[in-house]
Amino acid sequence: NRTLSNLIETALKRYLERGSLRSKDGGADNP
């Protein structure tokens, strides 16, 4: 029950947050 734009924006934000966590942990192999 959300717009396509909101779904994609939220997914991109989560992707970037997870990427930031991975680079802080020093492991690119962490999913």
PDB file of all heavy atoms in Angstrom:
ATOM      1  N   ASN A   1       0.819  -1.213   0.000  1.00  0.00           N
ATOM      2  CA  ASN A   1       0.000   0.000   0.000  1.00  0.00           C
ATOM      3  C   ASN A   1       0.856   1.268   0.000  1.00  0.00           C
ATOM      4  O   ASN A   1       0.683   2.164   0.814  1.00  0.00           O
ATOM      5  CB  ASN A   1      -0.963   0.001   1.200  1.00  0.00           C
ATOM      6  CG  ASN A   1      -2.051   1.027   1.051  1.00  0.00           C
ATOM      7  OD1 ASN A   1      -2.491   1.310  -0.061  1.00  0.00           O
ATOM      8  ND2 ASN A   1      -2.484   1.597   2.150  1.00  0.00           N
ATOM      9  N   ARG A   2       1.820   1.294  -0.923  1.00  0.00           N
ATOM     10  CA  ARG A   2       2.683   2.463  -1.078  1.00  0.00           C
ATOM     11  C   ARG A   2       2.913   2.715  -2.557  1.00  0.00           C
ATOM     12  O   ARG A   2       2.612   1.872  -3.387  1.00  0.00           O
ATOM     13  CB  ARG A   2       4.008   2.282  -0.348  1.00  0.00           C
ATOM     14  CG  ARG A   2       4.829   1.108  -0.845  1.00  0.00           C
ATOM     15  CD  ARG A   2       6.243   1.105  -0.320  1.00  0.00           C
ATOM     16  NE  ARG A   2       6.332   0.598   1.018  1.00  0.00           N
ATOM     17  CZ  ARG A   2       7.357   0.857   1.823  1.00  0.00           C
ATOM     18  NH1 ARG A   2       8.354   1.606   1.429  1.00  0.00           N
ATOM     19  NH2 ARG A   2       7.409   0.358   3.030  1.00  0.00           N
ATOM     20  N   THR A   3       3.438   3.885  -2.861  1.00  0.00           N
ATOM     21  CA  THR A   3       3.717   4.194  -4.259  1.00  0.00           C
ATOM     22  C   THR A   3       4.976   3.459  -4.702  1.00  0.00           C
ATOM     23  O   THR A   3       5.818   3.074  -3.882  1.00  0.00           O
ATOM     24  CB  THR A   3       3.923   5.703  -4.472  1.00  0.00           C
ATOM     25  OG1 THR A   3       5.093   6.111  -3.753  1.00  0.00           O
ATOM     26  CG2 THR A   3       2.717   6.504  -4.002  1.00  0.00           C
ATOM     27  N   LEU A   4       5.091   3.309  -6.004  1.00  0.00           N
ATOM     28  CA  LEU A   4       6.289   2.703  -6.569  1.00  0.00           C
ATOM     29  C   LEU A   4       7.518   3.538  -6.196  1.00  0.00           C
ATOM     30  O   LEU A   4       8.551   2.996  -5.806  1.00  0.00           O
ATOM     31  CB  LEU A   4       6.150   2.585  -8.085  1.00  0.00           C
ATOM     32  CG  LEU A   4       7.329   2.010  -8.850  1.00  0.00           C
ATOM     33  CD1 LEU A   4       7.654   0.597  -8.372  1.00  0.00           C
ATOM     34  CD2 LEU A   4       7.028   2.023 -10.341  1.00  0.00           C
ATOM     35  N   SER A   5       7.390   4.840  -6.281  1.00  0.00           N
ATOM     36  CA  SER A   5       8.510   5.731  -5.928  1.00  0.00           C
ATOM     37  C   SER A   5       8.941   5.532  -4.478  1.00  0.00           C
ATOM     38  O   SER A   5      10.131   5.467  -4.175  1.00  0.00           O
ATOM     39  CB  SER A   5       8.124   7.195  -6.137  1.00  0.00           C
ATOM     40  OG  SER A   5       7.967   7.466  -7.499  1.00  0.00           O
ATOM     41  N   ASN A   6       7.968   5.430  -3.584  1.00  0.00           N
ATOM     42  CA  ASN A   6       8.297   5.254  -2.170  1.00  0.00           C
ATOM     43  C   ASN A   6       8.971   3.907  -1.929  1.00  0.00           C
ATOM     44  O   ASN A   6       9.929   3.811  -1.152  1.00  0.00           O
ATOM     45  CB  ASN A   6       7.041   5.392  -1.315  1.00  0.00           C
ATOM     46  CG  ASN A   6       7.334   5.220   0.148  1.00  0.00           C
ATOM     47  OD1 ASN A   6       7.156   4.124   0.677  1.00  0.00           O
ATOM     48  ND2 ASN A   6       7.786   6.283   0.786  1.00  0.00           N
ATOM     49  N   LEU A   7       8.488   2.875  -2.593  1.00  0.00           N
ATOM     50  CA  LEU A   7       9.095   1.555  -2.451  1.00  0.00           C
ATOM     51  C   LEU A   7      10.559   1.585  -2.886  1.00  0.00           C
ATOM     52  O   LEU A   7      11.446   1.091  -2.173  1.00  0.00           O
ATOM     53  CB  LEU A   7       8.332   0.526  -3.282  1.00  0.00           C
ATOM     54  CG  LEU A   7       8.911  -0.889  -3.262  1.00  0.00           C
ATOM     55  CD1 LEU A   7       8.488  -1.601  -1.989  1.00  0.00           C
ATOM     56  CD2 LEU A   7       8.475  -1.662  -4.482  1.00  0.00           C
ATOM     57  N   ILE A   8      10.821   2.180  -4.036  1.00  0.00           N
ATOM     58  CA  ILE A   8      12.185   2.226  -4.567  1.00  0.00           C
ATOM     59  C   ILE A   8      13.077   3.111  -3.701  1.00  0.00           C
ATOM     60  O   ILE A   8      14.219   2.747  -3.403  1.00  0.00           O
ATOM     61  CB  ILE A   8      12.169   2.690  -6.031  1.00  0.00           C
ATOM     62  CG1 ILE A   8      11.483   1.615  -6.887  1.00  0.00           C
ATOM     63  CG2 ILE A   8      13.573   2.990  -6.534  1.00  0.00           C
ATOM     64  CD1 ILE A   8      11.186   2.029  -8.305  1.00  0.00           C
ATOM     65  N   GLU A   9      12.567   4.255  -3.260  1.00  0.00           N
ATOM     66  CA  GLU A   9      13.357   5.137  -2.404  1.00  0.00           C
ATOM     67  C   GLU A   9      13.727   4.437  -1.100  1.00  0.00           C
ATOM     68  O   GLU A   9      14.877   4.489  -0.655  1.00  0.00           O
ATOM     69  CB  GLU A   9      12.580   6.419  -2.106  1.00  0.00           C
ATOM     70  CG  GLU A   9      13.370   7.413  -1.270  1.00  0.00           C
ATOM     71  CD  GLU A   9      12.626   8.712  -1.027  1.00  0.00           C
ATOM     72  OE1 GLU A   9      11.429   8.813  -1.367  1.00  0.00           O
ATOM     73  OE2 GLU A   9      13.258   9.628  -0.492  1.00  0.00           O
ATOM     74  N   THR A  10      12.783   3.750  -0.501  1.00  0.00           N
ATOM     75  CA  THR A  10      13.048   3.021   0.739  1.00  0.00           C
ATOM     76  C   THR A  10      14.071   1.910   0.512  1.00  0.00           C
ATOM     77  O   THR A  10      14.986   1.720   1.321  1.00  0.00           O
ATOM     78  CB  THR A  10      11.734   2.431   1.295  1.00  0.00           C
ATOM     79  OG1 THR A  10      10.817   3.501   1.525  1.00  0.00           O
ATOM     80  CG2 THR A  10      11.974   1.685   2.600  1.00  0.00           C
ATOM     81  N   ALA A  11      13.937   1.185  -0.591  1.00  0.00           N
ATOM     82  CA  ALA A  11      14.886   0.108  -0.898  1.00  0.00           C
ATOM     83  C   ALA A  11      16.292   0.657  -1.096  1.00  0.00           C
ATOM     84  O   ALA A  11      17.274   0.068  -0.620  1.00  0.00           O
ATOM     85  CB  ALA A  11      14.432  -0.650  -2.142  1.00  0.00           C
ATOM     86  N   LEU A  12      16.411   1.788  -1.776  1.00  0.00           N
ATOM     87  CA  LEU A  12      17.729   2.398  -1.989  1.00  0.00           C
ATOM     88  C   LEU A  12      18.345   2.860  -0.669  1.00  0.00           C
ATOM     89  O   LEU A  12      19.542   2.671  -0.433  1.00  0.00           O
ATOM     90  CB  LEU A  12      17.625   3.569  -2.967  1.00  0.00           C
ATOM     91  CG  LEU A  12      17.365   3.194  -4.422  1.00  0.00           C
ATOM     92  CD1 LEU A  12      17.060   4.442  -5.235  1.00  0.00           C
ATOM     93  CD2 LEU A  12      18.550   2.439  -5.002  1.00  0.00           C
ATOM     94  N   LYS A  13      17.536   3.452   0.198  1.00  0.00           N
ATOM     95  CA  LYS A  13      18.040   3.883   1.508  1.00  0.00           C
ATOM     96  C   LYS A  13      18.543   2.695   2.314  1.00  0.00           C
ATOM     97  O   LYS A  13      19.612   2.749   2.924  1.00  0.00           O
ATOM     98  CB  LYS A  13      16.949   4.620   2.280  1.00  0.00           C
ATOM     99  CG  LYS A  13      16.677   6.009   1.767  1.00  0.00           C
ATOM    100  CD  LYS A  13      15.558   6.666   2.562  1.00  0.00           C
ATOM    101  CE  LYS A  13      15.249   8.049   2.057  1.00  0.00           C
ATOM    102  NZ  LYS A  13      14.137   8.676   2.795  1.00  0.00           N
ATOM    103  N   ARG A  14      17.770   1.613   2.323  1.00  0.00           N
ATOM    104  CA  ARG A  14      18.186   0.405   3.064  1.00  0.00           C
ATOM    105  C   ARG A  14      19.465  -0.178   2.478  1.00  0.00           C
ATOM    106  O   ARG A  14      20.348  -0.625   3.211  1.00  0.00           O
ATOM    107  CB  ARG A  14      17.067  -0.629   3.051  1.00  0.00           C
ATOM    108  CG  ARG A  14      15.910  -0.237   3.919  1.00  0.00           C
ATOM    109  CD  ARG A  14      14.816  -1.263   3.889  1.00  0.00           C
ATOM    110  NE  ARG A  14      13.690  -0.810   4.710  1.00  0.00           N
ATOM    111  CZ  ARG A  14      12.490  -1.343   4.667  1.00  0.00           C
ATOM    112  NH1 ARG A  14      12.230  -2.351   3.862  1.00  0.00           N
ATOM    113  NH2 ARG A  14      11.526  -0.871   5.421  1.00  0.00           N
ATOM    114  N   TYR A  15      19.563  -0.185   1.171  1.00  0.00           N
ATOM    115  CA  TYR A  15      20.772  -0.683   0.507  1.00  0.00           C
ATOM    116  C   TYR A  15      21.991   0.124   0.946  1.00  0.00           C
ATOM    117  O   TYR A  15      23.034  -0.435   1.282  1.00  0.00           O
ATOM    118  CB  TYR A  15      20.590  -0.610  -1.007  1.00  0.00           C
ATOM    119  CG  TYR A  15      21.844  -0.911  -1.781  1.00  0.00           C
ATOM    120  CD1 TYR A  15      22.246  -2.232  -1.991  1.00  0.00           C
ATOM    121  CD2 TYR A  15      22.639   0.108  -2.288  1.00  0.00           C
ATOM    122  CE1 TYR A  15      23.407  -2.516  -2.700  1.00  0.00           C
ATOM    123  CE2 TYR A  15      23.792  -0.167  -2.993  1.00  0.00           C
ATOM    124  CZ  TYR A  15      24.174  -1.471  -3.194  1.00  0.00           C
ATOM    125  OH  TYR A  15      25.326  -1.748  -3.887  1.00  0.00           O
ATOM    126  N   LEU A  16      21.851   1.434   0.954  1.00  0.00           N
ATOM    127  CA  LEU A  16      22.978   2.290   1.354  1.00  0.00           C
ATOM    128  C   LEU A  16      23.319   2.123   2.826  1.00  0.00           C
ATOM    129  O   LEU A  16      24.496   2.118   3.200  1.00  0.00           O
ATOM    130  CB  LEU A  16      22.662   3.754   1.048  1.00  0.00           C
ATOM    131  CG  LEU A  16      22.604   4.094  -0.436  1.00  0.00           C
ATOM    132  CD1 LEU A  16      22.116   5.524  -0.628  1.00  0.00           C
ATOM    133  CD2 LEU A  16      23.957   3.892  -1.094  1.00  0.00           C
ATOM    134  N   GLU A  17      22.310   1.973   3.672  1.00  0.00           N
ATOM    135  CA  GLU A  17      22.566   1.749   5.099  1.00  0.00           C
ATOM    136  C   GLU A  17      23.318   0.445   5.307  1.00  0.00           C
ATOM    137  O   GLU A  17      24.273   0.388   6.076  1.00  0.00           O
ATOM    138  CB  GLU A  17      21.244   1.719   5.870  1.00  0.00           C
ATOM    139  CG  GLU A  17      20.598   3.071   6.006  1.00  0.00           C
ATOM    140  CD  GLU A  17      19.181   3.002   6.542  1.00  0.00           C
ATOM    141  OE1 GLU A  17      18.676   1.883   6.811  1.00  0.00           O
ATOM    142  OE2 GLU A  17      18.566   4.071   6.679  1.00  0.00           O
ATOM    143  N   ARG A  18      22.921  -0.594   4.615  1.00  0.00           N
ATOM    144  CA  ARG A  18      23.596  -1.886   4.744  1.00  0.00           C
ATOM    145  C   ARG A  18      25.021  -1.804   4.211  1.00  0.00           C
ATOM    146  O   ARG A  18      25.936  -2.393   4.772  1.00  0.00           O
ATOM    147  CB  ARG A  18      22.815  -2.979   4.017  1.00  0.00           C
ATOM    148  CG  ARG A  18      21.509  -3.299   4.715  1.00  0.00           C
ATOM    149  CD  ARG A  18      20.690  -4.297   3.957  1.00  0.00           C
ATOM    150  NE  ARG A  18      21.370  -5.580   3.925  1.00  0.00           N
ATOM    151  CZ  ARG A  18      21.124  -6.530   3.042  1.00  0.00           C
ATOM    152  NH1 ARG A  18      20.216  -6.334   2.109  1.00  0.00           N
ATOM    153  NH2 ARG A  18      21.765  -7.674   3.080  1.00  0.00           N
ATOM    154  N   GLY A  19      25.219  -1.065   3.130  1.00  0.00           N
ATOM    155  CA  GLY A  19      26.553  -0.891   2.575  1.00  0.00           C
ATOM    156  C   GLY A  19      27.461  -0.155   3.539  1.00  0.00           C
ATOM    157  O   GLY A  19      28.635  -0.497   3.680  1.00  0.00           O
ATOM    158  N   SER A  20      26.923   0.828   4.232  1.00  0.00           N
ATOM    159  CA  SER A  20      27.707   1.572   5.218  1.00  0.00           C
ATOM    160  C   SER A  20      28.116   0.667   6.361  1.00  0.00           C
ATOM    161  O   SER A  20      29.226   0.738   6.858  1.00  0.00           O
ATOM    162  CB  SER A  20      26.900   2.755   5.762  1.00  0.00           C
ATOM    163  OG  SER A  20      26.654   3.687   4.754  1.00  0.00           O
ATOM    164  N   LEU A  21      27.208  -0.198   6.785  1.00  0.00           N
ATOM    165  CA  LEU A  21      27.522  -1.121   7.867  1.00  0.00           C
ATOM    166  C   LEU A  21      28.610  -2.099   7.444  1.00  0.00           C
ATOM    167  O   LEU A  21      29.514  -2.400   8.200  1.00  0.00           O
ATOM    168  CB  LEU A  21      26.272  -1.895   8.301  1.00  0.00           C
ATOM    169  CG  LEU A  21      25.185  -1.073   8.980  1.00  0.00           C
ATOM    170  CD1 LEU A  21      23.957  -1.943   9.229  1.00  0.00           C
ATOM    171  CD2 LEU A  21      25.686  -0.498  10.283  1.00  0.00           C
ATOM    172  N   ARG A  22      28.522  -2.584   6.205  1.00  0.00           N
ATOM    173  CA  ARG A  22      29.518  -3.533   5.714  1.00  0.00           C
ATOM    174  C   ARG A  22      30.900  -2.914   5.668  1.00  0.00           C
ATOM    175  O   ARG A  22      31.866  -3.516   6.070  1.00  0.00           O
ATOM    176  CB  ARG A  22      29.132  -4.032   4.321  1.00  0.00           C
ATOM    177  CG  ARG A  22      28.491  -5.379   4.368  1.00  0.00           C
ATOM    178  CD  ARG A  22      28.278  -5.917   2.994  1.00  0.00           C
ATOM    179  NE  ARG A  22      26.863  -5.743   2.717  1.00  0.00           N
ATOM    180  CZ  ARG A  22      26.369  -5.340   1.586  1.00  0.00           C
ATOM    181  NH1 ARG A  22      27.136  -5.071   0.575  1.00  0.00           N
ATOM    182  NH2 ARG A  22      25.083  -5.212   1.421  1.00  0.00           N
ATOM    183  N   SER A  23      30.990  -1.685   5.174  1.00  0.00           N
ATOM    184  CA  SER A  23      32.303  -1.071   5.053  1.00  0.00           C
ATOM    185  C   SER A  23      32.879  -0.748   6.427  1.00  0.00           C
ATOM    186  O   SER A  23      34.077  -0.793   6.625  1.00  0.00           O
ATOM    187  CB  SER A  23      32.250   0.182   4.177  1.00  0.00           C
ATOM    188  OG  SER A  23      31.339   1.113   4.697  1.00  0.00           O
ATOM    189  N   LYS A  24      32.027  -0.478   7.415  1.00  0.00           N
ATOM    190  CA  LYS A  24      32.514  -0.235   8.782  1.00  0.00           C
ATOM    191  C   LYS A  24      33.043  -1.524   9.395  1.00  0.00           C
ATOM    192  O   LYS A  24      34.003  -1.512  10.141  1.00  0.00           O
ATOM    193  CB  LYS A  24      31.412   0.339   9.656  1.00  0.00           C
ATOM    194  CG  LYS A  24      31.099   1.777   9.362  1.00  0.00           C
ATOM    195  CD  LYS A  24      29.998   2.280  10.254  1.00  0.00           C
ATOM    196  CE  LYS A  24      29.610   3.696   9.875  1.00  0.00           C
ATOM    197  NZ  LYS A  24      28.478   4.196  10.657  1.00  0.00           N
ATOM    198  N   ASP A  25      32.372  -2.658   9.066  1.00  0.00           N
ATOM    199  CA  ASP A  25      32.804  -3.963   9.599  1.00  0.00           C
ATOM    200  C   ASP A  25      34.045  -4.471   8.876  1.00  0.00           C
ATOM    201  O   ASP A  25      34.684  -5.410   9.314  1.00  0.00           O
ATOM    202  CB  ASP A  25      31.688  -5.004   9.466  1.00  0.00           C
ATOM    203  CG  ASP A  25      30.535  -4.702  10.385  1.00  0.00           C
ATOM    204  OD1 ASP A  25      30.708  -3.947  11.341  1.00  0.00           O
ATOM    205  OD2 ASP A  25      29.431  -5.229  10.132  1.00  0.00           O
ATOM    206  N   GLY A  26      34.340  -3.869   7.731  1.00  0.00           N
ATOM    207  CA  GLY A  26      35.526  -4.259   6.990  1.00  0.00           C
ATOM    208  C   GLY A  26      35.356  -5.497   6.147  1.00  0.00           C
ATOM    209  O   GLY A  26      36.298  -6.019   5.593  1.00  0.00           O
ATOM    210  N   GLY A  27      34.114  -5.993   6.025  1.00  0.00           N
ATOM    211  CA  GLY A  27      33.906  -7.207   5.251  1.00  0.00           C
ATOM    212  C   GLY A  27      32.891  -7.025   4.170  1.00  0.00           C
ATOM    213  O   GLY A  27      31.732  -6.785   4.451  1.00  0.00           O
ATOM    214  N   ALA A  28      33.313  -7.129   2.932  1.00  0.00           N
ATOM    215  CA  ALA A  28      32.388  -7.018   1.812  1.00  0.00           C
ATOM    216  C   ALA A  28      31.574  -8.283   1.644  1.00  0.00           C
ATOM    217  O   ALA A  28      30.614  -8.311   0.899  1.00  0.00           O
ATOM    218  CB  ALA A  28      33.169  -6.712   0.524  1.00  0.00           C
ATOM    219  N   ASP A  29      31.951  -9.353   2.346  1.00  0.00           N
ATOM    220  CA  ASP A  29      31.247 -10.607   2.194  1.00  0.00           C
ATOM    221  C   ASP A  29      30.057 -10.725   3.146  1.00  0.00           C
ATOM    222  O   ASP A  29      29.350 -11.699   3.130  1.00  0.00           O
ATOM    223  CB  ASP A  29      32.187 -11.792   2.391  1.00  0.00           C
ATOM    224  CG  ASP A  29      32.906 -11.753   3.730  1.00  0.00           C
ATOM    225  OD1 ASP A  29      33.008 -10.669   4.323  1.00  0.00           O
ATOM    226  OD2 ASP A  29      33.357 -12.815   4.190  1.00  0.00           O
ATOM    227  N   ASN A  30      29.804  -9.709   3.973  1.00  0.00           N
ATOM    228  CA  ASN A  30      28.644  -9.731   4.853  1.00  0.00           C
ATOM    229  C   ASN A  30      27.404  -9.345   4.073  1.00  0.00           C
ATOM    230  O   ASN A  30      27.357  -8.274   3.510  1.00  0.00           O
ATOM    231  CB  ASN A  30      28.807  -8.721   6.015  1.00  0.00           C
ATOM    232  CG  ASN A  30      29.911  -9.106   6.961  1.00  0.00           C
ATOM    233  OD1 ASN A  30      30.311 -10.248   7.003  1.00  0.00           O
ATOM    234  ND2 ASN A  30      30.394  -8.132   7.711  1.00  0.00           N
ATOM    235  N   PRO A  31      26.391 -10.226   4.020  1.00  0.00           N
ATOM    236  CA  PRO A  31      25.182  -9.906   3.238  1.00  0.00           C
ATOM    237  C   PRO A  31      24.340  -8.831   3.883  1.00  0.00           C
ATOM    238  O   PRO A  31      24.374  -8.521   4.992  1.00  0.00           O
ATOM    239  CB  PRO A  31      24.434 -11.221   3.156  1.00  0.00           C
ATOM    240  CG  PRO A  31      25.074 -12.163   4.100  1.00  0.00           C
ATOM    241  CD  PRO A  31      26.376 -11.573   4.532  1.00  0.00           C
TER     242      PRO A  31
END
